[in-house]
Amino acid sequence: ARGGESATADNCSQMTERPKTTSGASGGDASDDARIEALEAEIHALRSEVAPLRQQLLGSNVEVMRLRLQLQQFQMNHEALPVSTLTTTVVDLSRVDTNIIAQISSFVGTSRELLNLALTCKSFGWQQPT
């Protein structure tokens, strides 16, 4: 593709080069010549802008290829991550000292809150000692 680009650039530069003629011999006037010179200057400025952009594009293409190779290596060499399982710990509330329950209940203000605490303890399997 690069060989085609340089050939195209050579063809374009040949197309913009025109034989110098006098305005009377070409049949044009000075305004046409000025317009052509302005367009040629614009073409030259645009070519000057394109050259670094082509280099940047080539550099980007190299970077893309490097990243694709790196991705392929990661895909081929992937390892399964270890799976951790949660262990459930069961607490036997029947072994809890009654003094702890008394202290907790001292923070409870209303009888409704005390009932909720009792129901919570019951749902966890705590039984009142006899």
Foldseek 3Di string as FASTA:
>chain_A
DVVVVVVVVVVVVVVLDDDDDDCVVVVHDPVVVVVSVVVVVVVVVVVVVVVVVVVVVVVVVVVVVVVVVVVVVCVVPPDDDDDDDDDDDQDACQPPDVVVVVVVCVPDDDVVSVVVVVVVCVVSPHDDDD
